[in-house]
Amino acid sequence: MVDHVEVIGSGSASATPDVVAVDARVQVEARDVAGALSGLATRLTAALAAAADHGVAEADRRTTSMGVVPRWDAEGRTVTGYQAWQVVRLRVRDRDRTSDVLAAVAGAAGDALGVDGISLEVADLAPLLERARAAAFADARARATQYAGLAGRDLGPVLAVVEAPDGGSPGPRATLAATTRGAAMPVEAGESAVVASVLVRFALGPA
């Protein structure tokens, strides 16, 4: 076997998220299931129309969960009504319009609206991943060069490259200000980082 050195390099790259994902919950209660579903359909249709009017494309509106559950009295013995809900993820591609979109959806859904969570995403991860991989490979070469020098050898050509499993999905940090209906909601995007790891085997020059 050819004398070699094998190292693992790691690298990362970051960018400012440019998409805000809002998990909007519309929830309605009624005395019976039919009434709850009917009320939900009315409020949800209005909310989605408002989102569309403010630039959220159909492809960026996706139902993530829904359900109907009974409501019980204080003793837990008698059903007093039913609660129907649906959560829709709205992807706002213009981060500065997040407040306007939320205000419009809230105006359409009224008190039936809740927000389960807000997250930030990078729309196109490919360039970020390319930069992270390049940084990981450069790190591997630097490590191998050092080890070869410590061994009194020159670093030879690459013999093998193996990409390590996903080092981690983007991890943006966002700060959301408390809001009431009609109030502006500033969104601090922070940065989203991806990490890449690569195992590289280099040949060693003659001793």
N, C-alpha and C. Protein backbone atom coordinates (compact mmCIF):
# COMPACT_ATOMS: atom_id res chain seq x y z
N MET A 1 0.85 -1.20 0.00
CA MET A 1 0.00 0.00 0.00
C MET A 1 0.88 1.25 0.00
N VAL A 2 0.47 2.26 -0.74
CA VAL A 2 1.19 3.52 -0.80
C VAL A 2 1.15 4.19 0.56
N ASP A 3 2.31 4.71 1.01
CA ASP A 3 2.32 5.47 2.25
C ASP A 3 1.37 6.66 2.11
N HIS A 4 0.58 6.87 3.13
CA HIS A 4 -0.40 7.95 3.00
C HIS A 4 -0.73 8.54 4.37
N VAL A 5 -1.40 9.67 4.33
CA VAL A 5 -1.94 10.30 5.53
C VAL A 5 -3.42 10.55 5.27
N GLU A 6 -4.24 10.27 6.26
CA GLU A 6 -5.69 10.40 6.11
C GLU A 6 -6.20 11.37 7.17
N VAL A 7 -6.91 12.38 6.74
CA VAL A 7 -7.38 13.42 7.67
C VAL A 7 -8.85 13.73 7.39
N ILE A 8 -9.47 14.34 8.38
CA ILE A 8 -10.84 14.84 8.23
C ILE A 8 -10.80 16.36 8.33
N GLY A 9 -11.28 17.01 7.31
CA GLY A 9 -11.35 18.47 7.32
C GLY A 9 -12.78 18.93 7.52
N SER A 10 -12.92 20.07 8.12
CA SER A 10 -14.27 20.63 8.32
C SER A 10 -14.27 22.09 7.92
N GLY A 11 -15.41 22.55 7.48
CA GLY A 11 -15.54 23.94 7.07
C GLY A 11 -16.99 24.38 7.18
N SER A 12 -17.17 25.67 7.24
CA SER A 12 -18.53 26.20 7.34
C SER A 12 -18.66 27.44 6.48
N ALA A 13 -19.88 27.79 6.20
CA ALA A 13 -20.19 29.01 5.46
C ALA A 13 -21.51 29.53 5.98
N SER A 14 -21.66 30.83 5.98
CA SER A 14 -22.88 31.42 6.53
C SER A 14 -23.43 32.49 5.60
N ALA A 15 -24.71 32.75 5.76
CA ALA A 15 -25.39 33.77 4.98
C ALA A 15 -26.58 34.28 5.77
N THR A 16 -27.06 35.43 5.39
CA THR A 16 -28.25 35.98 6.04
C THR A 16 -29.50 35.33 5.45
N PRO A 17 -30.35 34.73 6.27
CA PRO A 17 -31.59 34.12 5.76
C PRO A 17 -32.43 35.15 5.00
N ASP A 18 -33.03 34.69 3.92
CA ASP A 18 -33.85 35.61 3.12
C ASP A 18 -35.31 35.18 3.02
N VAL A 19 -35.69 34.12 3.71
CA VAL A 19 -37.08 33.65 3.71
C VAL A 19 -37.55 33.48 5.15
N VAL A 20 -38.74 33.97 5.44
CA VAL A 20 -39.34 33.79 6.77
C VAL A 20 -40.48 32.79 6.64
N ALA A 21 -40.43 31.73 7.43
CA ALA A 21 -41.48 30.71 7.42
C ALA A 21 -42.35 30.89 8.66
N VAL A 22 -43.63 31.12 8.45
CA VAL A 22 -44.57 31.36 9.54
C VAL A 22 -45.54 30.18 9.63
N ASP A 23 -45.60 29.54 10.78
CA ASP A 23 -46.58 28.47 11.00
C ASP A 23 -47.84 29.09 11.60
N ALA A 24 -48.79 29.40 10.73
CA ALA A 24 -50.02 30.08 11.14
C ALA A 24 -51.10 29.05 11.46
N ARG A 25 -51.67 29.14 12.65
CA ARG A 25 -52.73 28.23 13.08
C ARG A 25 -54.07 28.97 13.07
N VAL A 26 -55.05 28.39 12.40
CA VAL A 26 -56.42 28.92 12.43
C VAL A 26 -57.26 27.89 13.19
N GLN A 27 -57.93 28.36 14.24
CA GLN A 27 -58.63 27.46 15.16
C GLN A 27 -60.02 28.01 15.46
N VAL A 28 -61.02 27.15 15.33
CA VAL A 28 -62.41 27.56 15.52
C VAL A 28 -63.13 26.55 16.39
N GLU A 29 -64.01 27.03 17.27
CA GLU A 29 -64.83 26.15 18.10
C GLU A 29 -66.30 26.32 17.74
N ALA A 30 -67.05 25.22 17.84
CA ALA A 30 -68.50 25.25 17.59
C ALA A 30 -69.15 24.12 18.37
N ARG A 31 -70.47 24.11 18.39
CA ARG A 31 -71.19 23.10 19.18
C ARG A 31 -71.09 21.71 18.57
N ASP A 32 -70.94 21.65 17.23
CA ASP A 32 -70.84 20.33 16.59
C ASP A 32 -69.68 20.34 15.60
N VAL A 33 -69.35 19.14 15.11
CA VAL A 33 -68.21 19.00 14.20
C VAL A 33 -68.44 19.78 12.91
N ALA A 34 -69.63 19.66 12.36
CA ALA A 34 -69.92 20.35 11.10
C ALA A 34 -69.74 21.85 11.24
N GLY A 35 -70.21 22.39 12.35
CA GLY A 35 -70.07 23.83 12.57
C GLY A 35 -68.62 24.24 12.73
N ALA A 36 -67.84 23.42 13.43
CA ALA A 36 -66.43 23.73 13.62
C ALA A 36 -65.68 23.70 12.29
N LEU A 37 -65.95 22.69 11.47
CA LEU A 37 -65.28 22.59 10.18
C LEU A 37 -65.70 23.71 9.24
N SER A 38 -66.98 24.06 9.29
CA SER A 38 -67.47 25.14 8.44
C SER A 38 -66.83 26.47 8.83
N GLY A 39 -66.79 26.72 10.14
CA GLY A 39 -66.17 27.96 10.61
C GLY A 39 -64.69 28.01 10.27
N LEU A 40 -64.02 26.87 10.40
CA LEU A 40 -62.60 26.81 10.07
C LEU A 40 -62.38 27.11 8.59
N ALA A 41 -63.20 26.50 7.74
CA ALA A 41 -63.05 26.71 6.30
C ALA A 41 -63.21 28.19 5.95
N THR A 42 -64.18 28.84 6.58
CA THR A 42 -64.43 30.26 6.29
C THR A 42 -63.24 31.12 6.69
N ARG A 43 -62.76 30.94 7.92
CA ARG A 43 -61.65 31.75 8.41
C ARG A 43 -60.35 31.44 7.65
N LEU A 44 -60.12 30.15 7.39
CA LEU A 44 -58.89 29.76 6.72
C LEU A 44 -58.85 30.27 5.28
N THR A 45 -59.97 30.17 4.60
CA THR A 45 -60.04 30.67 3.22
C THR A 45 -59.72 32.16 3.18
N ALA A 46 -60.27 32.90 4.12
CA ALA A 46 -60.00 34.34 4.17
C ALA A 46 -58.54 34.62 4.48
N ALA A 47 -57.97 33.85 5.40
CA ALA A 47 -56.56 34.06 5.77
C ALA A 47 -55.63 33.77 4.61
N LEU A 48 -55.89 32.68 3.88
CA LEU A 48 -55.04 32.32 2.75
C LEU A 48 -55.18 33.33 1.62
N ALA A 49 -56.37 33.85 1.42
CA ALA A 49 -56.58 34.87 0.39
C ALA A 49 -55.79 36.14 0.74
N ALA A 50 -55.79 36.49 2.02
CA ALA A 50 -55.03 37.66 2.46
C ALA A 50 -53.54 37.45 2.25
N ALA A 51 -53.06 36.25 2.55
CA ALA A 51 -51.64 35.95 2.33
C ALA A 51 -51.29 36.05 0.85
N ALA A 52 -52.17 35.52 0.01
CA ALA A 52 -51.94 35.58 -1.44
C ALA A 52 -51.91 37.02 -1.93
N ASP A 53 -52.83 37.83 -1.42
CA ASP A 53 -52.88 39.24 -1.81
C ASP A 53 -51.62 39.99 -1.42
N HIS A 54 -50.90 39.48 -0.44
CA HIS A 54 -49.67 40.14 0.01
C HIS A 54 -48.42 39.40 -0.44
N GLY A 55 -48.55 38.67 -1.54
CA GLY A 55 -47.37 38.14 -2.21
C GLY A 55 -46.93 36.74 -1.85
N VAL A 56 -47.69 36.01 -1.02
CA VAL A 56 -47.31 34.64 -0.69
C VAL A 56 -47.89 33.72 -1.76
N ALA A 57 -47.02 33.17 -2.59
CA ALA A 57 -47.46 32.35 -3.72
C ALA A 57 -48.08 31.04 -3.24
N GLU A 58 -48.86 30.42 -4.12
CA GLU A 58 -49.51 29.16 -3.76
C GLU A 58 -48.49 28.10 -3.36
N ALA A 59 -47.35 28.07 -4.05
CA ALA A 59 -46.32 27.08 -3.74
C ALA A 59 -45.70 27.30 -2.37
N ASP A 60 -45.89 28.50 -1.83
CA ASP A 60 -45.32 28.83 -0.52
C ASP A 60 -46.36 28.77 0.59
N ARG A 61 -47.51 28.15 0.32
CA ARG A 61 -48.54 27.95 1.33
C ARG A 61 -48.80 26.44 1.44
N ARG A 62 -48.47 25.86 2.59
CA ARG A 62 -48.58 24.40 2.72
C ARG A 62 -49.16 24.03 4.08
N THR A 63 -50.20 23.20 4.06
CA THR A 63 -50.78 22.69 5.31
C THR A 63 -49.81 21.70 5.94
N THR A 64 -49.51 21.89 7.22
CA THR A 64 -48.59 20.98 7.92
C THR A 64 -49.31 20.08 8.91
N SER A 65 -50.47 20.50 9.40
CA SER A 65 -51.24 19.65 10.30
C SER A 65 -52.66 20.19 10.41
N MET A 66 -53.58 19.30 10.82
CA MET A 66 -54.96 19.72 11.02
C MET A 66 -55.65 18.67 11.89
N GLY A 67 -56.79 19.06 12.47
CA GLY A 67 -57.50 18.10 13.31
C GLY A 67 -58.80 18.66 13.85
N VAL A 68 -59.58 17.76 14.42
CA VAL A 68 -60.83 18.12 15.11
C VAL A 68 -60.85 17.37 16.43
N VAL A 69 -61.06 18.08 17.53
CA VAL A 69 -61.08 17.42 18.84
C VAL A 69 -62.29 17.91 19.64
N PRO A 70 -62.83 17.06 20.51
CA PRO A 70 -63.96 17.48 21.35
C PRO A 70 -63.51 18.38 22.49
N ARG A 71 -64.41 19.22 22.97
CA ARG A 71 -64.18 20.04 24.15
C ARG A 71 -65.08 19.51 25.26
N TRP A 72 -64.52 19.35 26.45
CA TRP A 72 -65.25 18.75 27.56
C TRP A 72 -65.56 19.78 28.64
N ASP A 73 -66.55 19.46 29.45
CA ASP A 73 -66.86 20.34 30.58
C ASP A 73 -65.79 20.19 31.65
N ALA A 74 -65.93 20.99 32.72
CA ALA A 74 -64.91 21.01 33.77
C ALA A 74 -64.69 19.65 34.41
N GLU A 75 -65.73 18.84 34.46
CA GLU A 75 -65.61 17.51 35.07
C GLU A 75 -65.08 16.47 34.09
N GLY A 76 -64.99 16.84 32.82
CA GLY A 76 -64.50 15.91 31.82
C GLY A 76 -65.47 14.80 31.49
N ARG A 77 -66.77 15.05 31.68
CA ARG A 77 -67.78 14.01 31.45
C ARG A 77 -68.64 14.27 30.22
N THR A 78 -68.83 15.54 29.91
CA THR A 78 -69.76 15.89 28.84
C THR A 78 -69.06 16.71 27.76
N VAL A 79 -69.30 16.34 26.52
CA VAL A 79 -68.75 17.11 25.40
C VAL A 79 -69.56 18.39 25.24
N THR A 80 -68.89 19.52 25.29
CA THR A 80 -69.58 20.80 25.17
C THR A 80 -69.43 21.43 23.79
N GLY A 81 -68.57 20.88 22.97
CA GLY A 81 -68.37 21.43 21.64
C GLY A 81 -67.18 20.76 20.97
N TYR A 82 -66.81 21.32 19.82
CA TYR A 82 -65.69 20.76 19.06
C TYR A 82 -64.77 21.88 18.59
N GLN A 83 -63.52 21.55 18.52
CA GLN A 83 -62.51 22.51 18.08
C GLN A 83 -61.84 21.96 16.82
N ALA A 84 -61.87 22.73 15.76
CA ALA A 84 -61.23 22.35 14.51
C ALA A 84 -60.08 23.31 14.25
N TRP A 85 -58.96 22.78 13.78
CA TRP A 85 -57.80 23.63 13.54
C TRP A 85 -56.99 23.13 12.35
N GLN A 86 -56.25 24.03 11.80
CA GLN A 86 -55.32 23.70 10.72
C GLN A 86 -54.13 24.65 10.81
N VAL A 87 -52.94 24.08 10.63
CA VAL A 87 -51.72 24.88 10.62
C VAL A 87 -51.19 24.94 9.20
N VAL A 88 -50.93 26.14 8.72
CA VAL A 88 -50.41 26.35 7.37
C VAL A 88 -49.07 27.06 7.46
N ARG A 89 -48.10 26.52 6.78
CA ARG A 89 -46.79 27.19 6.74
C ARG A 89 -46.78 28.17 5.57
N LEU A 90 -46.54 29.43 5.90
CA LEU A 90 -46.46 30.50 4.90
C LEU A 90 -44.99 30.90 4.77
N ARG A 91 -44.45 30.80 3.58
CA ARG A 91 -43.05 31.20 3.35
C ARG A 91 -43.04 32.58 2.71
N VAL A 92 -42.58 33.55 3.47
CA VAL A 92 -42.54 34.94 3.01
C VAL A 92 -41.14 35.19 2.44
N ARG A 93 -41.05 35.40 1.14
CA ARG A 93 -39.74 35.50 0.49
C ARG A 93 -39.15 36.91 0.55
N ASP A 94 -39.95 37.87 0.92
CA ASP A 94 -39.44 39.22 1.17
C ASP A 94 -39.52 39.44 2.68
N ARG A 95 -38.38 39.30 3.36
CA ARG A 95 -38.38 39.33 4.82
C ARG A 95 -38.98 40.62 5.38
N ASP A 96 -38.78 41.71 4.67
CA ASP A 96 -39.27 43.01 5.16
C ASP A 96 -40.80 43.10 5.13
N ARG A 97 -41.45 42.17 4.45
CA ARG A 97 -42.92 42.21 4.36
C ARG A 97 -43.59 41.27 5.36
N THR A 98 -42.81 40.65 6.21
CA THR A 98 -43.37 39.70 7.17
C THR A 98 -44.46 40.33 8.02
N SER A 99 -44.20 41.52 8.53
CA SER A 99 -45.17 42.20 9.38
C SER A 99 -46.47 42.48 8.62
N ASP A 100 -46.35 42.91 7.36
CA ASP A 100 -47.55 43.20 6.56
C ASP A 100 -48.36 41.93 6.31
N VAL A 101 -47.66 40.83 6.02
CA VAL A 101 -48.36 39.57 5.77
C VAL A 101 -49.10 39.11 7.02
N LEU A 102 -48.43 39.16 8.17
CA LEU A 102 -49.07 38.74 9.42
C LEU A 102 -50.26 39.61 9.76
N ALA A 103 -50.12 40.91 9.55
CA ALA A 103 -51.23 41.82 9.85
C ALA A 103 -52.43 41.52 8.95
N ALA A 104 -52.17 41.24 7.69
CA ALA A 104 -53.26 40.94 6.76
C ALA A 104 -53.95 39.63 7.11
N VAL A 105 -53.15 38.61 7.44
CA VAL A 105 -53.72 37.32 7.81
C VAL A 105 -54.52 37.44 9.10
N ALA A 106 -53.99 38.21 10.06
CA ALA A 106 -54.70 38.41 11.32
C ALA A 106 -56.01 39.15 11.10
N GLY A 107 -55.98 40.13 10.21
CA GLY A 107 -57.20 40.86 9.92
C GLY A 107 -58.27 39.98 9.29
N ALA A 108 -57.83 39.01 8.49
CA ALA A 108 -58.78 38.13 7.81
C ALA A 108 -59.30 37.03 8.73
N ALA A 109 -58.42 36.47 9.56
CA ALA A 109 -58.81 35.34 10.41
C ALA A 109 -59.36 35.79 11.75
N GLY A 110 -59.08 37.02 12.15
CA GLY A 110 -59.55 37.51 13.44
C GLY A 110 -58.91 36.76 14.60
N ASP A 111 -59.68 36.60 15.67
CA ASP A 111 -59.16 35.94 16.86
C ASP A 111 -58.96 34.43 16.68
N ALA A 112 -59.31 33.92 15.50
CA ALA A 112 -59.08 32.50 15.23
C ALA A 112 -57.62 32.22 14.90
N LEU A 113 -56.84 33.28 14.68
CA LEU A 113 -55.44 33.10 14.28
C LEU A 113 -54.51 32.95 15.47
N GLY A 114 -53.60 32.01 15.34
CA GLY A 114 -52.49 31.89 16.27
C GLY A 114 -51.23 31.63 15.46
N VAL A 115 -50.07 31.90 16.05
CA VAL A 115 -48.80 31.63 15.37
C VAL A 115 -48.03 30.61 16.19
N ASP A 116 -47.86 29.42 15.62
CA ASP A 116 -47.16 28.35 16.34
C ASP A 116 -45.65 28.56 16.36
N GLY A 117 -45.15 29.28 15.38
CA GLY A 117 -43.70 29.51 15.35
C GLY A 117 -43.29 30.24 14.09
N ILE A 118 -42.13 30.85 14.16
CA ILE A 118 -41.54 31.54 13.01
C ILE A 118 -40.09 31.10 12.91
N SER A 119 -39.67 30.74 11.71
CA SER A 119 -38.28 30.34 11.49
C SER A 119 -37.75 31.05 10.25
N LEU A 120 -36.43 31.04 10.11
CA LEU A 120 -35.81 31.70 8.97
C LEU A 120 -35.03 30.70 8.15
N GLU A 121 -35.03 30.90 6.83
CA GLU A 121 -34.39 29.96 5.92
C GLU A 121 -33.58 30.71 4.87
N VAL A 122 -32.62 30.00 4.29
CA VAL A 122 -31.91 30.49 3.12
C VAL A 122 -32.55 29.82 1.91
N ALA A 123 -33.04 30.61 0.98
CA ALA A 123 -33.80 30.06 -0.15
C ALA A 123 -32.95 29.11 -1.00
N ASP A 124 -31.72 29.48 -1.28
CA ASP A 124 -30.84 28.67 -2.12
C ASP A 124 -29.61 28.27 -1.32
N LEU A 125 -29.59 27.01 -0.87
CA LEU A 125 -28.48 26.53 -0.04
C LEU A 125 -27.27 26.09 -0.85
N ALA A 126 -27.44 25.87 -2.17
CA ALA A 126 -26.36 25.30 -2.97
C ALA A 126 -25.05 26.11 -2.89
N PRO A 127 -25.07 27.43 -3.09
CA PRO A 127 -23.81 28.18 -3.00
C PRO A 127 -23.19 28.10 -1.61
N LEU A 128 -24.03 28.07 -0.58
CA LEU A 128 -23.54 27.98 0.79
C LEU A 128 -22.83 26.64 1.02
N LEU A 129 -23.43 25.57 0.52
CA LEU A 129 -22.83 24.24 0.66
C LEU A 129 -21.52 24.14 -0.11
N GLU A 130 -21.46 24.76 -1.28
CA GLU A 130 -20.22 24.73 -2.07
C GLU A 130 -19.09 25.42 -1.31
N ARG A 131 -19.39 26.55 -0.70
CA ARG A 131 -18.36 27.26 0.07
C ARG A 131 -17.92 26.45 1.27
N ALA A 132 -18.87 25.79 1.94
CA ALA A 132 -18.52 24.98 3.11
C ALA A 132 -17.65 23.79 2.71
N ARG A 133 -17.97 23.15 1.58
CA ARG A 133 -17.16 22.02 1.11
C ARG A 133 -15.75 22.47 0.75
N ALA A 134 -15.65 23.62 0.07
CA ALA A 134 -14.33 24.14 -0.29
C ALA A 134 -13.50 24.42 0.95
N ALA A 135 -14.15 24.99 1.97
CA ALA A 135 -13.44 25.27 3.22
C ALA A 135 -13.01 23.98 3.91
N ALA A 136 -13.85 22.95 3.84
CA ALA A 136 -13.52 21.67 4.47
C ALA A 136 -12.34 21.01 3.77
N PHE A 137 -12.32 21.08 2.44
CA PHE A 137 -11.21 20.47 1.70
C PHE A 137 -9.91 21.22 1.98
N ALA A 138 -9.98 22.55 2.02
CA ALA A 138 -8.78 23.34 2.32
C ALA A 138 -8.27 23.01 3.73
N ASP A 139 -9.18 22.81 4.65
CA ASP A 139 -8.79 22.45 6.02
C ASP A 139 -8.12 21.08 6.04
N ALA A 140 -8.65 20.14 5.26
CA ALA A 140 -8.05 18.81 5.20
C ALA A 140 -6.64 18.88 4.61
N ARG A 141 -6.47 19.66 3.56
CA ARG A 141 -5.14 19.78 2.96
C ARG A 141 -4.15 20.42 3.94
N ALA A 142 -4.60 21.44 4.66
CA ALA A 142 -3.71 22.09 5.63
C ALA A 142 -3.28 21.12 6.73
N ARG A 143 -4.22 20.33 7.21
CA ARG A 143 -3.90 19.35 8.26
C ARG A 143 -2.91 18.31 7.73
N ALA A 144 -3.19 17.81 6.52
CA ALA A 144 -2.33 16.78 5.95
C ALA A 144 -0.92 17.31 5.68
N THR A 145 -0.84 18.56 5.21
CA THR A 145 0.47 19.17 4.97
C THR A 145 1.27 19.25 6.25
N GLN A 146 0.61 19.64 7.34
CA GLN A 146 1.31 19.72 8.62
C GLN A 146 1.81 18.35 9.07
N TYR A 147 0.94 17.35 8.98
CA TYR A 147 1.34 16.00 9.40
C TYR A 147 2.48 15.46 8.54
N ALA A 148 2.41 15.72 7.25
CA ALA A 148 3.49 15.26 6.37
C ALA A 148 4.80 15.92 6.75
N GLY A 149 4.75 17.22 7.02
CA GLY A 149 5.96 17.93 7.43
C GLY A 149 6.52 17.40 8.74
N LEU A 150 5.62 17.12 9.69
CA LEU A 150 6.07 16.57 10.97
C LEU A 150 6.74 15.21 10.79
N ALA A 151 6.32 14.49 9.77
CA ALA A 151 6.90 13.17 9.50
C ALA A 151 8.11 13.26 8.58
N GLY A 152 8.47 14.47 8.18
CA GLY A 152 9.62 14.63 7.30
C GLY A 152 9.34 14.19 5.88
N ARG A 153 8.09 14.29 5.45
CA ARG A 153 7.71 13.86 4.10
C ARG A 153 7.03 15.01 3.37
N ASP A 154 7.03 14.90 2.06
CA ASP A 154 6.26 15.84 1.24
C ASP A 154 4.85 15.28 1.06
N LEU A 155 3.90 16.20 0.87
CA LEU A 155 2.52 15.75 0.65
C LEU A 155 2.33 15.43 -0.82
N GLY A 156 1.82 14.24 -1.09
CA GLY A 156 1.60 13.81 -2.46
C GLY A 156 0.18 14.07 -2.93
N PRO A 157 -0.22 13.42 -4.01
CA PRO A 157 -1.55 13.65 -4.58
C PRO A 157 -2.66 13.03 -3.72
N VAL A 158 -3.86 13.46 -4.03
CA VAL A 158 -5.04 12.93 -3.34
C VAL A 158 -5.31 11.51 -3.85
N LEU A 159 -5.53 10.60 -2.92
CA LEU A 159 -5.85 9.22 -3.26
C LEU A 159 -7.34 8.91 -3.14
N ALA A 160 -8.00 9.59 -2.21
CA ALA A 160 -9.43 9.32 -2.00
C ALA A 160 -10.07 10.50 -1.30
N VAL A 161 -11.34 10.72 -1.63
CA VAL A 161 -12.13 11.77 -0.98
C VAL A 161 -13.48 11.16 -0.62
N VAL A 162 -13.86 11.28 0.64
CA VAL A 162 -15.15 10.77 1.10
C VAL A 162 -15.86 11.88 1.87
N GLU A 163 -17.03 12.25 1.39
CA GLU A 163 -17.79 13.28 2.10
C GLU A 163 -18.45 12.68 3.33
N ALA A 164 -18.24 13.31 4.47
CA ALA A 164 -18.83 12.83 5.71
C ALA A 164 -20.32 13.12 5.70
N PRO A 165 -21.10 12.42 6.55
CA PRO A 165 -22.53 12.70 6.64
C PRO A 165 -22.78 14.16 6.95
N ASP A 166 -23.99 14.60 6.64
CA ASP A 166 -24.39 15.99 6.85
C ASP A 166 -23.93 16.50 8.20
N GLY A 167 -23.15 17.57 8.16
CA GLY A 167 -22.60 18.11 9.40
C GLY A 167 -23.58 18.95 10.18
N GLY A 168 -24.72 19.23 9.61
CA GLY A 168 -25.70 20.04 10.35
C GLY A 168 -26.48 20.92 9.41
N SER A 169 -27.75 21.01 9.62
CA SER A 169 -28.59 21.85 8.80
C SER A 169 -28.43 23.30 9.21
N PRO A 170 -28.89 24.22 8.36
CA PRO A 170 -28.76 25.64 8.71
C PRO A 170 -29.35 25.94 10.07
N GLY A 171 -28.67 26.80 10.79
CA GLY A 171 -29.14 27.14 12.13
C GLY A 171 -29.26 28.63 12.33
N PRO A 172 -30.25 29.28 11.73
CA PRO A 172 -30.39 30.72 11.91
C PRO A 172 -30.89 31.06 13.30
N ARG A 173 -30.55 32.24 13.74
CA ARG A 173 -31.10 32.75 14.99
C ARG A 173 -32.00 33.92 14.65
N ALA A 174 -33.17 33.94 15.23
CA ALA A 174 -34.10 35.02 14.96
C ALA A 174 -34.62 35.58 16.26
N THR A 175 -34.79 36.87 16.31
CA THR A 175 -35.39 37.51 17.47
C THR A 175 -36.68 38.16 17.04
N LEU A 176 -37.78 37.80 17.69
CA LEU A 176 -39.09 38.31 17.31
C LEU A 176 -39.63 39.20 18.42
N ALA A 177 -40.04 40.39 18.06
CA ALA A 177 -40.61 41.29 19.06
C ALA A 177 -42.04 40.88 19.35
N ALA A 178 -42.48 41.11 20.59
CA ALA A 178 -43.87 40.83 20.94
C ALA A 178 -44.77 41.70 20.08
N THR A 179 -45.92 41.18 19.72
CA THR A 179 -46.77 41.91 18.79
C THR A 179 -48.23 41.83 19.19
N THR A 180 -48.98 42.82 18.80
CA THR A 180 -50.43 42.77 18.87
C THR A 180 -50.92 43.00 17.46
N ARG A 181 -52.17 42.72 17.21
CA ARG A 181 -52.68 42.86 15.87
C ARG A 181 -52.48 44.28 15.38
N GLY A 182 -51.91 44.39 14.18
CA GLY A 182 -51.70 45.69 13.59
C GLY A 182 -50.36 46.29 13.96
N ALA A 183 -49.65 45.73 14.95
CA ALA A 183 -48.35 46.28 15.32
C ALA A 183 -47.28 45.67 14.43
N ALA A 184 -46.20 46.43 14.20
CA ALA A 184 -45.11 45.92 13.38
C ALA A 184 -44.37 44.83 14.13
N MET A 185 -43.89 43.84 13.39
CA MET A 185 -43.12 42.76 13.99
C MET A 185 -41.75 42.73 13.35
N PRO A 186 -40.75 43.35 13.98
CA PRO A 186 -39.40 43.29 13.41
C PRO A 186 -38.85 41.88 13.51
N VAL A 187 -38.14 41.45 12.48
CA VAL A 187 -37.51 40.14 12.46
C VAL A 187 -36.02 40.33 12.26
N GLU A 188 -35.22 39.90 13.23
CA GLU A 188 -33.77 39.98 13.12
C GLU A 188 -33.28 38.66 12.55
N ALA A 189 -32.74 38.72 11.35
CA ALA A 189 -32.42 37.49 10.63
C ALA A 189 -31.20 36.76 11.16
N GLY A 190 -30.23 37.50 11.73
CA GLY A 190 -29.01 36.84 12.17
C GLY A 190 -28.31 36.19 10.99
N GLU A 191 -27.68 35.04 11.21
CA GLU A 191 -27.01 34.32 10.14
C GLU A 191 -27.37 32.84 10.19
N SER A 192 -27.38 32.23 9.02
CA SER A 192 -27.61 30.80 8.92
C SER A 192 -26.32 30.15 8.44
N ALA A 193 -25.87 29.12 9.13
CA ALA A 193 -24.59 28.48 8.79
C ALA A 193 -24.79 27.02 8.44
N VAL A 194 -24.02 26.54 7.47
CA VAL A 194 -23.97 25.12 7.15
C VAL A 194 -22.54 24.64 7.37
N VAL A 195 -22.41 23.38 7.75
CA VAL A 195 -21.11 22.80 8.05
C VAL A 195 -20.89 21.59 7.15
N ALA A 196 -19.67 21.45 6.62
CA ALA A 196 -19.33 20.30 5.80
C ALA A 196 -18.08 19.64 6.36
N SER A 197 -18.02 18.32 6.25
CA SER A 197 -16.85 17.56 6.68
C SER A 197 -16.45 16.62 5.55
N VAL A 198 -15.15 16.43 5.38
CA VAL A 198 -14.67 15.56 4.31
C VAL A 198 -13.45 14.79 4.78
N LEU A 199 -13.40 13.51 4.45
CA LEU A 199 -12.24 12.68 4.74
C LEU A 199 -11.41 12.60 3.46
N VAL A 200 -10.13 12.97 3.56
CA VAL A 200 -9.26 12.97 2.39
C VAL A 200 -8.00 12.15 2.70
N ARG A 201 -7.64 11.30 1.76
CA ARG A 201 -6.41 10.52 1.88
C ARG A 201 -5.40 11.05 0.87
N PHE A 202 -4.24 11.44 1.38
CA PHE A 202 -3.16 11.95 0.54
C PHE A 202 -1.99 10.96 0.54
N ALA A 203 -1.35 10.81 -0.61
CA ALA A 203 -0.12 10.03 -0.65
C ALA A 203 1.01 10.83 -0.01
N LEU A 204 1.99 10.14 0.53
CA LEU A 204 3.17 10.78 1.10
C LEU A 204 4.35 10.57 0.16
N GLY A 205 5.18 11.62 0.05
CA GLY A 205 6.37 11.50 -0.78
C GLY A 205 7.40 10.57 -0.15
N PRO A 206 8.47 10.31 -0.86
CA PRO A 206 9.51 9.41 -0.34
C PRO A 206 10.07 9.90 0.98
N ALA A 207 10.45 8.98 1.81
CA ALA A 207 11.04 9.33 3.11
C ALA A 207 12.44 9.90 2.90
